[in-house]
Amino acid sequence: MIFSFFGSLCALRYISPKSLGTSTVIAGVYLACKYSKTHLYGIEQAVNSIGTKTNCIAAFAGGLIGALHGESIIPQRWKRVQDYNYIDRVSKRLLEIHEDRRVEKIERPSNEKGIKSISEIEDDSFKVGDKVFLETLGEGKIKTINRQVTLDEDRYNLIFDVQFEIGQSCRFVRRLSLKHDYKKLQNEIGLKIDYKKFQDEIEKRAIEYLIHFTSTHNLSYILKDKKLMSVEKLKDSGRIKDVLINDEKRLEDLKNYINLSLSGPNTEMFRTKRRDYKNRSWCVLKIDPKHIYDRETMFSYYNAANTMKLQNGISGDLSQFKKLFKKELHTTNSYGTLKVMTRDFQLPPRYPTSVQAEILVKDCIPLRSILEVCFESKEKLAEAKTLMCSHDTSNFLIDNEIFSPNRNRL
């Protein structure tokens, strides 16, 4: 009784940091003895106990239970844990070491095999499928590669996942200089070559978000798919039959692009759509402006359907982006008549000269880039949260002004 009582206290509540080793042993022995007949339940109790060093206690109790009953008691569902095969091999190697049996050595492969060492990563010469070697884990193969820009000037993170032959999988991260292969690297990262100049322009103009309005009905599918898709991508995925397209005809030439506005919605078009589809409930998505410098993003200083007819009306370069804010624009109306648009001198720098200017982002925008989902009233917000109750709606909010913003307000 005394052993059981003391063991339970150690396992669940009063383990002193100064006596963790002793307490862990006592708690582990206690749990292994208490649950000798219901061993799997005993391990789960050790793992889920509230207190200090439950990981050590669970490992100790599990080791004792394993020694008593063998690995045959491990249920299939536990074998789905990451790197199970590696853990199994490590345990057998530890047993070999303990019993003074010969342990297999990891030998460095010859250079003729074309296997690259990743012990010290000094340059970016890797691609998916490359065979690599690490002294501690042996040979493996690169499964995925990602390259991410950093806040540091002229540097980026090389990130790749390796599956080793012994069963272990690891992620490696190395910060490298851009050096001479800048253009190739920027294409792989997915940004425009001069993305830093775009970042400077965004900061200078205090652009906080891009805008996309859509039916609240479509929002549930955006949350389910974890992305906002272009019409072409909706068709490819089979999702097109589920969503409500606002303007099928207008997008005829740009169906693989998502049309966004800058700092506020295209109020003229939004007003027209709300009038034409009175039975629909609407929401406005605020989207991270970093998509401005996605490699394939394009800019139209006026309605994209109209400027497509003008030479150099749409492109993705910095000069085209700056053209959105020009003091004077030459555009055509729906009848093909040329007209001149002058920028209001009171217009804050974050707004384009024309309310119909568009940012065209190719294919998809991930859900994480949607900063806020805005609704016009408490009733609309409550309705949307109820419909989307199985999803994260923490960024749903009321923003009445974004539905008809005052562009002259600083």
Protein backbone atom coordinates (compact mmCIF):
# COMPACT_ATOMS: atom_id res chain seq x y z
CA MET A 1 0.00 0.00 0.00
CA ILE A 2 2.80 2.43 0.88
CA PHE A 3 4.59 1.67 -2.42
CA SER A 4 1.39 2.15 -4.41
CA PHE A 5 0.53 5.38 -2.65
CA PHE A 6 4.01 6.87 -3.03
CA GLY A 7 4.26 5.73 -6.64
CA SER A 8 0.95 7.36 -7.59
CA LEU A 9 1.99 10.64 -6.02
CA CYS A 10 5.28 10.65 -7.91
CA ALA A 11 3.67 9.72 -11.21
CA LEU A 12 0.87 12.23 -11.09
CA ARG A 13 1.65 15.17 -8.84
CA TYR A 14 4.60 15.73 -6.59
CA ILE A 15 7.80 14.93 -8.46
CA SER A 16 10.55 17.22 -7.20
CA PRO A 17 12.90 18.64 -9.86
CA LYS A 18 15.83 17.77 -7.57
CA SER A 19 14.98 14.05 -7.60
CA LEU A 20 13.65 13.50 -11.10
CA GLY A 21 15.74 10.39 -11.79
CA THR A 22 14.67 8.52 -8.67
CA SER A 23 11.08 9.68 -8.94
CA THR A 24 10.88 8.67 -12.61
CA VAL A 25 12.11 5.18 -11.83
CA ILE A 26 9.67 4.75 -8.94
CA ALA A 27 6.74 6.13 -10.96
CA GLY A 28 7.63 3.93 -13.96
CA VAL A 29 7.87 0.78 -11.83
CA TYR A 30 4.59 1.64 -10.12
CA LEU A 31 2.69 2.12 -13.38
CA ALA A 32 4.19 -1.02 -14.97
CA CYS A 33 3.15 -3.10 -11.94
CA LYS A 34 -0.29 -1.54 -11.57
CA TYR A 35 -1.17 -2.14 -15.22
CA SER A 36 0.65 -5.45 -15.74
CA LYS A 37 -2.52 -7.04 -17.13
CA THR A 38 -3.80 -4.01 -19.03
CA HIS A 39 -0.41 -2.96 -20.32
CA LEU A 40 -1.53 -0.75 -23.24
CA TYR A 41 -3.85 1.19 -20.99
CA GLY A 42 -0.98 1.57 -18.52
CA ILE A 43 1.25 3.16 -21.18
CA GLU A 44 -1.56 5.54 -22.19
CA GLN A 45 -2.02 6.51 -18.54
CA ALA A 46 1.68 7.27 -18.24
CA VAL A 47 1.65 9.39 -21.40
CA ASN A 48 -1.46 11.37 -20.45
CA SER A 49 -0.76 11.92 -16.73
CA ILE A 50 -0.61 15.53 -15.63
CA GLY A 51 2.66 16.40 -13.93
CA THR A 52 6.41 16.67 -14.32
CA LYS A 53 8.42 14.57 -16.80
CA THR A 54 5.54 12.43 -18.05
CA ASN A 55 7.59 11.68 -21.19
CA CYS A 56 10.38 10.09 -19.10
CA ILE A 57 7.91 8.21 -16.92
CA ALA A 58 6.02 6.90 -19.96
CA ALA A 59 9.29 5.82 -21.62
CA PHE A 60 10.42 4.01 -18.48
CA ALA A 61 7.04 2.35 -17.88
CA GLY A 62 6.80 1.42 -21.57
CA GLY A 63 10.27 -0.09 -21.47
CA LEU A 64 9.39 -2.28 -18.51
CA ILE A 65 6.08 -3.37 -20.04
CA GLY A 66 7.85 -4.10 -23.34
CA ALA A 67 10.48 -6.20 -21.56
CA LEU A 68 7.72 -8.20 -19.88
CA HIS A 69 5.46 -8.76 -22.90
CA GLY A 70 7.58 -8.21 -26.04
CA GLU A 71 6.93 -6.14 -29.16
CA SER A 72 3.99 -8.33 -30.20
CA ILE A 73 1.72 -6.29 -27.92
CA ILE A 74 2.24 -3.10 -29.97
CA PRO A 75 -1.08 -2.42 -31.75
CA GLN A 76 -1.12 -1.61 -35.45
CA ARG A 77 -2.41 1.92 -34.85
CA TRP A 78 0.74 2.78 -32.88
CA LYS A 79 2.92 1.68 -35.79
CA ARG A 80 1.64 4.61 -37.82
CA VAL A 81 3.75 7.00 -35.75
CA GLN A 82 6.30 8.99 -37.74
CA ASP A 83 9.61 7.15 -38.27
CA TYR A 84 8.36 3.95 -36.61
CA ASN A 85 10.78 1.81 -38.66
CA TYR A 86 13.68 4.02 -37.66
CA ILE A 87 12.75 3.85 -33.98
CA ASP A 88 12.49 0.07 -34.26
CA ARG A 89 15.95 -0.19 -35.85
CA VAL A 90 17.50 2.13 -33.25
CA SER A 91 16.10 0.00 -30.42
CA LYS A 92 17.62 -3.11 -31.96
CA ARG A 93 20.99 -1.37 -32.42
CA LEU A 94 20.93 -0.30 -28.76
CA LEU A 95 20.29 -3.90 -27.76
CA GLU A 96 23.23 -5.03 -29.90
CA ILE A 97 25.47 -2.48 -28.20
CA HIS A 98 24.28 -3.60 -24.75
CA GLU A 99 24.97 -7.24 -25.55
CA ASP A 100 28.40 -6.44 -27.08
CA ARG A 101 27.33 -7.73 -30.45
CA ARG A 102 28.84 -6.37 -33.68
CA VAL A 103 27.09 -3.15 -34.71
CA GLU A 104 26.84 -2.20 -38.40
CA LYS A 105 28.92 0.88 -39.19
CA ILE A 106 27.77 3.69 -41.44
CA GLU A 107 30.42 4.12 -44.12
CA ARG A 108 30.83 7.19 -46.32
CA PRO A 109 29.97 6.31 -49.95
CA SER A 110 32.53 6.84 -52.68
CA ASN A 111 32.31 9.95 -54.87
CA GLU A 112 31.64 7.76 -57.90
CA LYS A 113 28.12 7.07 -56.66
CA GLY A 114 27.10 10.69 -57.19
CA ILE A 115 25.87 10.98 -53.60
CA LYS A 116 26.06 14.49 -52.11
CA SER A 117 27.12 15.12 -48.53
CA ILE A 118 24.77 17.24 -46.42
CA SER A 119 26.97 17.38 -43.34
CA GLU A 120 28.02 20.90 -44.37
CA ILE A 121 25.72 22.65 -46.86
CA GLU A 122 27.66 25.46 -48.52
CA ASP A 123 25.80 25.93 -51.82
CA ASP A 124 22.47 25.23 -53.48
CA SER A 125 23.05 22.35 -55.89
CA PHE A 126 20.20 20.12 -54.74
CA LYS A 127 17.05 18.90 -56.46
CA VAL A 128 14.22 16.50 -55.62
CA GLY A 129 15.36 12.89 -56.00
CA ASP A 130 19.05 13.57 -55.25
CA LYS A 131 20.82 10.93 -53.17
CA VAL A 132 22.51 12.41 -50.10
CA PHE A 133 24.65 11.25 -47.19
CA LEU A 134 24.89 12.26 -43.53
CA GLU A 135 27.50 10.68 -41.25
CA THR A 136 25.06 10.00 -38.43
CA LEU A 137 22.17 8.63 -40.50
CA GLY A 138 23.72 7.27 -43.69
CA GLU A 139 22.28 7.49 -47.19
CA GLY A 140 18.92 8.99 -48.11
CA LYS A 141 16.95 10.72 -50.84
CA ILE A 142 15.59 14.27 -51.04
CA LYS A 143 11.77 14.14 -51.15
CA THR A 144 10.85 17.85 -51.20
CA ILE A 145 12.68 21.17 -51.63
CA ASN A 146 11.49 24.67 -50.79
CA ARG A 147 13.28 28.00 -51.04
CA GLN A 148 12.03 30.95 -49.01
CA VAL A 149 13.09 34.59 -49.05
CA THR A 150 14.19 36.17 -45.77
CA LEU A 151 14.16 39.68 -44.36
CA ASP A 152 17.94 39.76 -44.70
CA GLU A 153 19.21 41.47 -47.84
CA ASP A 154 20.33 39.01 -50.53
CA ARG A 155 19.76 35.84 -48.52
CA TYR A 156 17.25 32.98 -48.60
CA ASN A 157 16.45 29.74 -46.76
CA LEU A 158 17.04 26.41 -48.47
CA ILE A 159 14.69 23.84 -46.94
CA PHE A 160 14.56 20.19 -47.93
CA ASP A 161 13.20 16.93 -46.52
CA VAL A 162 15.25 13.72 -46.66
CA GLN A 163 14.04 10.16 -46.25
CA PHE A 164 16.98 8.06 -45.02
CA GLU A 165 17.33 4.38 -45.83
CA ILE A 166 17.40 3.48 -42.14
CA GLY A 167 13.82 4.75 -41.84
CA GLN A 168 14.40 8.21 -40.39
CA SER A 169 13.06 11.35 -42.09
CA CYS A 170 14.55 14.77 -41.38
CA ARG A 171 14.14 18.38 -42.46
CA PHE A 172 17.25 20.46 -43.14
CA VAL A 173 17.35 24.28 -43.27
CA ARG A 174 20.30 26.36 -44.41
CA ARG A 175 20.51 30.12 -44.97
CA LEU A 176 22.45 30.91 -48.14
CA SER A 177 23.48 33.94 -50.19
CA LEU A 178 21.72 34.67 -53.49
CA LYS A 179 25.07 35.09 -55.30
CA HIS A 180 25.18 34.97 -59.10
CA ASP A 181 22.27 32.63 -59.89
CA TYR A 182 19.75 35.23 -58.73
CA LYS A 183 17.29 35.03 -61.64
CA LYS A 184 17.02 31.24 -61.60
CA LEU A 185 16.54 31.23 -57.85
CA GLN A 186 13.82 33.87 -57.88
CA ASN A 187 11.89 31.81 -60.44
CA GLU A 188 12.11 28.79 -58.15
CA ILE A 189 10.96 30.79 -55.13
CA GLY A 190 8.05 32.11 -57.19
CA LEU A 191 8.68 35.84 -56.86
CA LYS A 192 9.38 38.58 -59.34
CA ILE A 193 13.06 39.23 -60.00
CA ASP A 194 12.79 42.76 -58.57
CA TYR A 195 10.44 41.80 -55.74
CA LYS A 196 12.30 44.04 -53.27
CA LYS A 197 11.42 47.10 -55.37
CA PHE A 198 7.78 46.04 -55.22
CA GLN A 199 8.10 45.67 -51.44
CA ASP A 200 9.51 49.20 -51.22
CA GLU A 201 6.64 50.54 -53.31
CA ILE A 202 4.05 48.74 -51.16
CA GLU A 203 5.64 50.12 -47.99
CA LYS A 204 5.92 53.64 -49.40
CA ARG A 205 2.24 53.67 -50.35
CA ALA A 206 1.15 51.98 -47.08
CA ILE A 207 -0.77 49.28 -48.96
CA GLU A 208 -2.19 46.96 -46.29
CA TYR A 209 -4.29 44.55 -48.34
CA LEU A 210 -5.77 43.52 -51.66
CA ILE A 211 -9.52 43.05 -52.06
CA HIS A 212 -11.72 40.33 -53.52
CA PHE A 213 -15.50 40.27 -53.12
CA THR A 214 -17.50 37.09 -53.48
CA SER A 215 -20.76 35.42 -52.52
CA THR A 216 -20.87 34.10 -48.95
CA HIS A 217 -22.00 30.84 -50.54
CA ASN A 218 -18.55 30.50 -52.13
CA LEU A 219 -16.80 31.12 -48.84
CA SER A 220 -17.55 27.65 -47.51
CA TYR A 221 -15.74 26.09 -50.48
CA ILE A 222 -12.77 28.44 -50.07
CA LEU A 223 -12.46 27.22 -46.47
CA LYS A 224 -12.88 23.56 -47.44
CA ASP A 225 -10.32 23.74 -50.25
CA LYS A 226 -8.03 26.01 -48.19
CA LYS A 227 -7.56 28.31 -51.17
CA LEU A 228 -9.21 30.85 -53.44
CA MET A 229 -9.13 29.56 -57.03
CA SER A 230 -9.36 31.10 -60.48
CA VAL A 231 -12.21 30.04 -62.78
CA GLU A 232 -9.84 27.75 -64.70
CA LYS A 233 -8.67 26.06 -61.50
CA LEU A 234 -12.26 25.68 -60.34
CA LYS A 235 -12.99 23.83 -63.57
CA ASP A 236 -9.88 21.64 -63.29
CA SER A 237 -10.76 20.64 -59.72
CA GLY A 238 -14.44 20.01 -60.49
CA ARG A 239 -15.43 22.70 -57.98
CA ILE A 240 -16.96 24.93 -60.68
CA LYS A 241 -20.34 23.21 -60.33
CA ASP A 242 -20.56 24.20 -56.65
CA VAL A 243 -19.67 27.88 -56.74
CA LEU A 244 -21.43 31.00 -57.98
CA ILE A 245 -19.44 32.87 -60.66
CA ASN A 246 -20.07 36.60 -60.61
CA ASP A 247 -18.88 37.52 -64.08
CA GLU A 248 -18.22 34.56 -66.38
CA LYS A 249 -18.23 36.61 -69.58
CA ARG A 250 -15.89 39.36 -68.42
CA LEU A 251 -13.22 36.82 -67.50
CA GLU A 252 -13.21 35.16 -70.91
CA ASP A 253 -9.57 36.05 -71.65
CA LEU A 254 -8.24 35.68 -68.07
CA LYS A 255 -9.90 32.64 -66.56
CA ASN A 256 -6.66 31.39 -65.03
CA TYR A 257 -6.33 34.60 -62.99
CA ILE A 258 -8.05 35.85 -59.83
CA ASN A 259 -9.11 39.49 -60.13
CA LEU A 260 -8.30 41.63 -57.09
CA SER A 261 -8.64 45.30 -56.28
CA LEU A 262 -6.17 47.46 -54.40
CA SER A 263 -6.97 48.78 -50.89
CA GLY A 264 -10.71 48.78 -51.61
CA PRO A 265 -13.24 47.02 -53.86
CA ASN A 266 -14.14 48.05 -57.39
CA THR A 267 -17.18 49.88 -56.09
CA GLU A 268 -18.75 50.33 -59.53
CA MET A 269 -18.67 46.62 -60.27
CA PHE A 270 -19.55 45.61 -56.70
CA ARG A 271 -22.60 47.87 -56.77
CA THR A 272 -23.68 46.38 -60.11
CA LYS A 273 -23.31 42.78 -58.92
CA ARG A 274 -25.22 43.40 -55.71
CA ARG A 275 -28.00 44.98 -57.75
CA ASP A 276 -28.09 42.12 -60.29
CA TYR A 277 -27.91 39.36 -57.65
CA LYS A 278 -30.06 40.74 -54.86
CA ASN A 279 -30.75 37.30 -53.43
CA ARG A 280 -27.06 36.67 -52.70
CA SER A 281 -25.24 37.45 -49.48
CA TRP A 282 -21.79 38.99 -49.98
CA CYS A 283 -18.46 39.15 -48.18
CA VAL A 284 -15.23 41.01 -48.85
CA LEU A 285 -11.86 39.27 -48.49
CA LYS A 286 -8.80 41.26 -47.44
CA ILE A 287 -5.75 39.53 -48.89
CA ASP A 288 -2.04 39.80 -48.11
CA PRO A 289 -0.46 42.32 -50.51
CA LYS A 290 2.62 40.09 -50.92
CA HIS A 291 0.84 38.51 -53.90
CA ILE A 292 1.57 41.73 -55.79
CA TYR A 293 5.13 40.45 -56.34
CA ASP A 294 4.25 36.83 -57.13
CA ARG A 295 6.19 35.98 -60.27
CA GLU A 296 3.14 35.70 -62.56
CA THR A 297 0.98 38.48 -61.10
CA MET A 298 -0.12 41.10 -63.66
CA PHE A 299 -1.50 44.62 -63.36
CA SER A 300 -4.21 46.48 -65.20
CA TYR A 301 -4.58 50.21 -64.56
CA TYR A 302 -8.24 49.97 -65.59
CA ASN A 303 -10.87 47.25 -66.12
CA ALA A 304 -8.87 44.25 -67.37
CA ALA A 305 -11.44 43.32 -70.01
CA ASN A 306 -11.08 46.78 -71.57
CA THR A 307 -7.33 47.24 -71.27
CA MET A 308 -6.76 43.89 -72.93
CA LYS A 309 -7.70 45.74 -76.10
CA LEU A 310 -4.96 48.34 -75.58
CA GLN A 311 -1.33 47.70 -76.42
CA ASN A 312 0.72 47.09 -73.24
CA GLY A 313 -2.49 47.34 -71.21
CA ILE A 314 -1.63 44.41 -68.93
CA SER A 315 1.77 43.19 -67.74
CA GLY A 316 3.59 42.19 -64.58
CA ASP A 317 6.52 44.58 -64.45
CA LEU A 318 7.17 47.34 -61.94
CA SER A 319 6.52 50.16 -64.39
CA GLN A 320 3.05 48.74 -65.07
CA PHE A 321 2.35 48.55 -61.34
CA LYS A 322 3.40 52.18 -60.90
CA LYS A 323 1.12 53.12 -63.78
CA LEU A 324 -1.85 52.25 -61.55
CA PHE A 325 -1.10 55.43 -59.59
CA LYS A 326 -0.38 57.85 -62.46
CA LYS A 327 -1.82 61.35 -62.33
CA GLU A 328 -3.36 60.91 -65.77
CA LEU A 329 -4.60 57.72 -67.45
CA HIS A 330 -5.86 57.11 -70.96
CA THR A 331 -8.58 54.45 -71.05
CA THR A 332 -11.50 53.30 -73.17
CA ASN A 333 -15.10 52.89 -72.08
CA SER A 334 -17.36 49.96 -72.96
CA TYR A 335 -18.07 51.56 -76.36
CA GLY A 336 -14.37 51.81 -77.26
CA THR A 337 -14.25 55.58 -76.82
CA LEU A 338 -10.93 56.93 -75.58
CA LYS A 339 -11.13 58.99 -72.40
CA VAL A 340 -8.71 60.62 -69.98
CA MET A 341 -8.84 59.98 -66.23
CA THR A 342 -7.15 62.38 -63.81
CA ARG A 343 -6.11 61.35 -60.31
CA ASP A 344 -7.89 63.17 -57.49
CA PHE A 345 -5.26 65.19 -55.60
CA GLN A 346 -6.88 64.16 -52.28
CA LEU A 347 -6.65 60.45 -53.05
CA PRO A 348 -4.40 58.64 -50.52
CA PRO A 349 -1.35 56.94 -52.11
CA ARG A 350 -2.60 53.42 -51.28
CA TYR A 351 -5.45 53.75 -53.80
CA PRO A 352 -5.03 53.40 -57.58
CA THR A 353 -6.10 56.27 -59.79
CA SER A 354 -8.99 54.25 -61.22
CA VAL A 355 -11.31 52.38 -58.88
CA GLN A 356 -11.44 49.70 -61.58
CA ALA A 357 -7.69 48.99 -61.54
CA GLU A 358 -6.96 45.30 -61.05
CA ILE A 359 -4.28 43.03 -59.63
CA LEU A 360 -4.39 39.68 -61.46
CA VAL A 361 -3.03 36.76 -59.41
CA LYS A 362 -2.56 33.49 -61.25
CA ASP A 363 -4.33 30.22 -60.34
CA CYS A 364 -4.67 30.16 -56.53
CA ILE A 365 -4.34 32.18 -53.34
CA PRO A 366 -3.82 30.05 -50.18
CA LEU A 367 -6.22 30.40 -47.29
CA ARG A 368 -3.44 31.68 -45.01
CA SER A 369 -3.16 34.77 -47.24
CA ILE A 370 -6.75 35.80 -46.47
CA LEU A 371 -6.21 38.27 -43.63
CA GLU A 372 -9.86 39.11 -42.91
CA VAL A 373 -13.31 38.11 -44.10
CA CYS A 374 -15.59 41.15 -43.84
CA PHE A 375 -19.37 41.36 -43.54
CA GLU A 376 -21.71 44.32 -43.69
CA SER A 377 -23.76 43.69 -40.54
CA LYS A 378 -24.00 41.67 -37.33
CA GLU A 379 -26.75 39.58 -38.91
CA LYS A 380 -24.64 38.68 -41.96
CA LEU A 381 -21.65 37.87 -39.75
CA ALA A 382 -23.72 35.64 -37.46
CA GLU A 383 -25.28 33.89 -40.45
CA ALA A 384 -21.87 33.18 -41.99
CA LYS A 385 -20.37 31.92 -38.71
CA THR A 386 -23.31 29.55 -38.29
CA LEU A 387 -22.94 28.18 -41.83
CA MET A 388 -19.17 27.82 -41.41
CA CYS A 389 -19.23 26.53 -37.83
CA SER A 390 -16.99 23.56 -38.66
CA HIS A 391 -14.21 25.89 -39.87
CA ASP A 392 -11.98 28.48 -38.23
CA THR A 393 -13.88 31.79 -38.41
CA SER A 394 -11.63 33.78 -36.09
CA ASN A 395 -10.84 36.30 -38.87
CA PHE A 396 -14.52 36.92 -39.68
CA LEU A 397 -15.56 40.46 -38.70
CA ILE A 398 -17.88 43.37 -39.42
CA ASP A 399 -16.45 46.12 -41.65
CA ASN A 400 -19.29 48.11 -43.09
CA GLU A 401 -17.00 50.75 -44.59
CA ILE A 402 -15.12 48.31 -46.85
CA PHE A 403 -18.35 47.65 -48.75
CA SER A 404 -18.42 51.28 -49.94
CA PRO A 405 -15.17 52.96 -48.85
CA ASN A 406 -14.50 56.67 -48.97
CA ARG A 407 -11.37 56.72 -51.18
CA ASN A 408 -10.51 60.28 -50.18
CA ARG A 409 -10.21 59.42 -46.49
CA LEU A 410 -6.62 59.17 -45.24
